[in-house]
Protein backbone atom coordinates (compact mmCIF):
# COMPACT_ATOMS: atom_id res chain seq x y z
CA MET A 1 0.40 59.99 8.42
CA THR A 2 0.58 63.29 6.58
CA LEU A 3 0.69 63.26 2.78
CA SER A 4 2.57 66.57 2.55
CA PHE A 5 6.34 66.37 2.70
CA ILE A 6 6.53 69.97 3.90
CA LYS A 7 4.16 69.26 6.78
CA HIS A 8 6.22 66.15 7.53
CA LEU A 9 9.36 68.28 7.84
CA GLU A 10 7.56 70.87 9.97
CA GLN A 11 6.25 68.17 12.28
CA GLN A 12 9.75 66.75 12.68
CA LEU A 13 11.10 70.16 13.70
CA ARG A 14 8.19 70.75 16.06
CA ASP A 15 8.13 67.32 17.72
CA SER A 16 11.84 66.41 17.68
CA PRO A 17 13.87 69.61 17.26
CA PRO A 18 17.66 69.12 17.05
CA LYS A 19 19.46 70.15 20.21
CA GLN A 20 22.02 72.25 18.36
CA LYS A 21 20.88 75.66 17.14
CA GLY A 22 22.78 75.25 13.87
CA LEU A 23 20.94 72.03 13.06
CA ARG A 24 17.62 73.71 13.83
CA THR A 25 18.54 76.55 11.46
CA ARG A 26 19.47 74.04 8.76
CA GLN A 27 16.14 72.30 9.20
CA ARG A 28 14.28 75.61 8.85
CA LEU A 29 16.21 76.34 5.67
CA LYS A 30 15.27 72.90 4.30
CA ILE A 31 11.61 73.54 5.04
CA MET A 32 11.68 76.93 3.34
CA THR A 33 13.56 75.46 0.37
CA ALA A 34 10.81 72.87 0.01
CA LYS A 35 8.12 75.55 0.24
CA VAL A 36 9.70 77.74 -2.43
CA LEU A 37 10.30 74.74 -4.69
CA GLU A 38 6.68 73.69 -4.31
CA GLN A 39 5.42 77.16 -5.21
CA LYS A 40 7.98 78.50 -7.71
CA GLY A 41 9.96 75.52 -8.99
CA TYR A 42 13.72 75.06 -9.17
CA HIS A 43 14.57 77.44 -12.01
CA ARG A 44 12.91 80.47 -10.34
CA LEU A 45 14.32 79.64 -6.89
CA ARG A 46 16.79 82.09 -5.33
CA ALA A 47 18.73 81.73 -2.09
CA SER A 48 17.24 85.04 -0.93
CA ASP A 49 13.74 83.55 -1.28
CA ILE A 50 14.73 80.86 1.21
CA THR A 51 16.54 83.04 3.73
CA SER A 52 13.86 85.74 3.81
CA ARG A 53 11.21 83.15 4.65
CA ALA A 54 13.45 81.45 7.20
CA LYS A 55 14.25 84.89 8.68
CA VAL A 56 18.01 84.35 8.63
CA ALA A 57 20.82 86.35 7.04
CA GLU A 58 21.52 85.36 3.44
CA GLY A 59 25.13 84.61 4.33
CA SER A 60 23.94 81.98 6.79
CA PHE A 61 22.50 79.97 3.91
CA TYR A 62 26.01 79.25 2.61
CA VAL A 63 27.09 77.87 5.98
CA TYR A 64 24.79 74.92 5.40
CA PHE A 65 24.49 74.64 1.61
CA THR A 66 26.89 75.29 -1.26
CA ASP A 67 24.22 76.90 -3.42
CA LYS A 68 20.55 76.61 -4.34
CA THR A 69 21.20 73.37 -6.23
CA ASP A 70 22.77 71.77 -3.14
CA ALA A 71 19.75 72.82 -1.01
CA THR A 72 17.31 71.59 -3.64
CA LEU A 73 18.98 68.19 -4.02
CA THR A 74 19.11 67.80 -0.24
CA VAL A 75 15.36 68.32 -0.04
CA LEU A 76 14.50 66.11 -3.02
CA ARG A 77 16.72 63.25 -1.88
CA GLU A 78 15.01 63.27 1.51
CA LEU A 79 11.63 63.38 -0.22
CA LEU A 80 12.47 60.26 -2.24
CA VAL A 81 14.36 58.25 0.40
CA ASP A 82 12.62 59.08 3.69
CA PHE A 83 9.11 60.04 2.59
CA CYS A 84 8.00 58.47 -0.67
CA ARG A 85 9.14 55.03 0.47
CA LEU A 86 6.67 55.09 3.36
CA GLU A 87 3.96 52.55 2.59
CA PRO A 88 0.34 52.66 3.77
CA LYS A 89 -0.52 50.14 6.47
CA ILE A 90 -1.90 47.06 4.76
CA ASP A 91 -4.33 44.94 6.79
CA PRO A 92 -3.47 41.23 6.30
CA SER A 93 -7.19 40.50 6.03
CA TRP A 94 -7.59 42.77 2.98
CA SER A 95 -8.26 41.31 -0.43
CA PRO A 96 -5.62 41.77 -3.17
CA PHE A 97 -7.68 44.60 -4.66
CA GLU A 98 -7.97 46.43 -1.33
CA ALA A 99 -4.20 46.25 -0.84
CA ILE A 100 -3.49 47.45 -4.40
CA ARG A 101 -6.06 50.24 -4.09
CA ALA A 102 -4.56 51.49 -0.80
CA SER A 103 -1.10 51.70 -2.35
CA ASN A 104 -2.27 53.38 -5.56
CA ARG A 105 -4.51 55.85 -3.74
CA ARG A 106 -1.63 56.86 -1.51
CA TRP A 107 0.71 57.36 -4.48
CA VAL A 108 -1.76 59.60 -6.29
CA ALA A 109 -2.51 61.51 -3.06
CA VAL A 110 1.20 62.01 -2.29
CA CYS A 111 1.79 63.34 -5.80
CA ARG A 112 -1.21 65.67 -5.45
CA ALA A 113 0.05 66.98 -2.08
CA ASN A 114 3.60 67.50 -3.40
CA ALA A 115 3.00 68.31 -7.07
CA GLY A 116 5.59 71.09 -7.26
CA LEU A 117 8.29 69.02 -5.58
CA MET A 118 7.54 66.04 -7.84
CA ARG A 119 7.90 68.37 -10.84
CA CYS A 120 11.31 69.41 -9.50
CA VAL A 121 12.35 65.75 -9.22
CA LEU A 122 11.64 65.30 -12.93
CA GLN A 123 13.47 68.51 -13.82
CA LEU A 124 16.57 67.85 -11.70
CA SER A 125 16.85 64.15 -12.59
CA ASP A 126 17.95 65.25 -16.05
CA GLU A 127 20.74 67.34 -14.51
CA ASP A 128 21.84 65.20 -11.56
CA SER A 129 22.56 61.53 -12.21
CA ASP A 130 22.57 60.68 -8.48
CA LEU A 131 19.04 61.99 -8.07
CA ALA A 132 17.92 60.01 -11.13
CA VAL A 133 19.44 56.87 -9.58
CA LEU A 134 17.60 57.55 -6.31
CA ALA A 135 14.29 57.91 -8.14
CA GLN A 136 14.94 54.66 -10.02
CA GLU A 137 15.88 52.88 -6.80
CA ASP A 138 12.70 54.11 -5.13
CA ASN A 139 10.72 52.62 -8.00
CA ARG A 140 12.73 49.38 -7.99
CA LEU A 141 12.06 48.73 -4.30
CA TRP A 142 8.33 49.27 -4.81
CA PHE A 143 8.18 47.07 -7.90
CA ASP A 144 10.07 44.33 -6.06
CA ARG A 145 7.61 44.42 -3.13
CA VAL A 146 4.66 44.22 -5.52
CA ALA A 147 6.15 41.26 -7.41
CA ARG A 148 7.04 39.35 -4.24
CA SER A 149 3.60 39.95 -2.75
CA SER A 150 1.93 38.72 -5.92
CA THR A 151 3.98 35.54 -6.21
CA LYS A 152 3.47 34.80 -2.50
CA ARG A 153 -0.32 35.25 -2.64
CA ARG A 154 -0.61 33.10 -5.75
CA GLY A 155 1.69 30.36 -4.48
CA ARG A 156 4.20 30.92 -7.26
CA PRO A 157 7.99 30.55 -6.97
CA ARG A 158 9.56 33.07 -4.60
CA SER A 159 11.32 34.90 -7.42
CA SER A 160 9.39 35.59 -10.59
CA THR A 161 11.00 37.65 -13.31
CA ALA A 162 7.67 37.82 -15.16
CA ALA A 163 5.92 39.31 -12.11
CA LEU A 164 8.72 41.84 -11.68
CA CYS A 165 8.52 42.80 -15.35
CA ALA A 166 4.74 43.26 -15.01
CA ALA A 167 5.30 45.45 -11.94
CA TYR A 168 7.73 47.66 -13.89
CA MET A 169 5.23 48.05 -16.72
CA LEU A 170 2.29 48.84 -14.45
CA GLY A 171 4.46 51.14 -12.34
CA GLY A 172 5.40 53.03 -15.49
CA MET A 173 1.68 53.41 -16.16
CA MET A 174 1.22 54.94 -12.70
CA ASP A 175 4.11 57.36 -13.22
CA GLU A 176 2.67 58.54 -16.53
CA LEU A 177 -0.80 58.73 -15.00
CA VAL A 178 0.22 61.13 -12.23
CA ARG A 179 2.30 63.10 -14.73
CA LYS A 180 -0.72 63.69 -16.97
CA LEU A 181 -3.13 64.15 -14.07
CA ILE A 182 -1.10 66.21 -11.57
CA ILE A 183 2.50 67.08 -12.38
CA TYR A 184 2.02 68.32 -15.95
CA PRO A 185 -1.77 68.18 -16.35
CA ASP A 186 -2.97 67.10 -19.78
CA PRO A 187 -6.10 69.21 -20.45
CA HIS A 188 -7.67 66.57 -22.71
CA PHE A 189 -7.19 63.85 -20.11
CA CYS A 190 -8.50 66.09 -17.31
CA LYS A 191 -11.61 66.95 -19.37
CA LEU A 192 -12.22 63.25 -19.99
CA LEU A 193 -12.02 62.54 -16.27
CA ALA A 194 -14.35 65.48 -15.56
CA ARG A 195 -16.94 64.01 -17.96
CA MET A 196 -16.63 60.71 -16.11
CA LYS A 197 -16.88 62.51 -12.74
CA ALA A 198 -13.66 60.78 -11.72
CA ASP A 199 -11.74 62.29 -8.80
CA ASP A 200 -8.25 61.18 -7.72
CA ASP A 201 -9.54 58.17 -5.79
CA ALA A 202 -11.61 57.04 -8.78
CA VAL A 203 -8.56 57.34 -11.03
CA ALA A 204 -6.47 55.30 -8.57
CA ASP A 205 -9.23 52.69 -8.35
CA ALA A 206 -9.50 52.45 -12.14
CA ALA A 207 -5.75 51.88 -12.34
CA SER A 208 -6.08 49.28 -9.59
CA VAL A 209 -8.60 47.38 -11.74
CA ILE A 210 -5.88 47.00 -14.38
CA TRP A 211 -3.36 45.90 -11.75
CA LEU A 212 -5.79 43.30 -10.44
CA ARG A 213 -6.55 41.91 -13.90
CA VAL A 214 -2.80 41.43 -14.50
CA PHE A 215 -1.75 39.99 -11.13
CA TYR A 216 -4.95 38.35 -9.87
CA PRO A 217 -7.28 37.73 -12.85
CA GLU A 218 -9.37 35.25 -10.84
CA GLU A 219 -10.18 37.75 -8.07
CA LYS A 220 -13.56 39.48 -7.90
CA LEU A 221 -13.85 43.24 -7.73
CA PRO A 222 -15.75 44.97 -4.90
CA ALA A 223 -19.27 46.17 -5.61
CA ASP A 224 -18.62 49.72 -4.36
CA LEU A 225 -16.24 50.83 -7.12
CA PRO A 226 -16.48 54.47 -8.27
CA ARG A 227 -18.40 54.84 -11.53
CA ALA A 228 -15.30 55.41 -13.66
CA ALA A 229 -13.53 52.37 -12.23
CA LYS A 230 -16.65 50.24 -12.64
CA ALA A 231 -16.99 51.33 -16.28
CA LEU A 232 -13.39 50.31 -16.94
CA ALA A 233 -13.89 46.98 -15.18
CA GLU A 234 -16.96 46.23 -17.29
CA TRP A 235 -15.15 47.23 -20.49
CA MET A 236 -12.28 44.84 -19.62
CA GLN A 237 -14.51 41.82 -19.02
CA PRO A 238 -13.55 38.82 -21.21
CA GLY A 239 -15.81 38.32 -24.18
CA ARG A 240 -17.12 41.90 -24.17
CA ARG A 241 -18.01 43.15 -27.62
């Protein structure tokens, strides 16, 4: 499963091209819109940037989209609904930490592979309420899955408002983490991670330590944690002074 939304769109067009020429042209325009958004952002995007890369007449763009905002929102909605909601395959035999780590590593990796598009989601959510609702719904579905999985594993009641609240809080931590790490890099945070020799996987694993301590405090951590994640785990041990 590719982590790049653009490659995902290109693979769709290559493997399952629409039969109608017009739909194939629209798909090419979507791909080029995504590429320009990734590289230049929404505010510097022009329709001519898209059509020149798609090798179609500029007038053809307006057959399929009202304007650059319509094209952008089409791409970002598909990113949120059809791509970001894809979950990594979780092996039933995995421990709670392994399942949490797989999900967090994928989220960080997806944000890294689509940093420009994720930045556009933040920018356009302030201007388009429907896109903001989609982003919130994407988060809600994920938080709900996390809460249900936790209550099921721990033999708790099927619906736990406390578990859902914890998922919202920890999910907010993950959103802010990728914002400071990838979308709008915080130089102080990035320097700290560099001193700790923490790559993206180590950051995801460190965050997963916090998730585990909240949802499964009795569970043991694996011995092969990255150094940064291990340091955080040791610092969080009860009774540490």
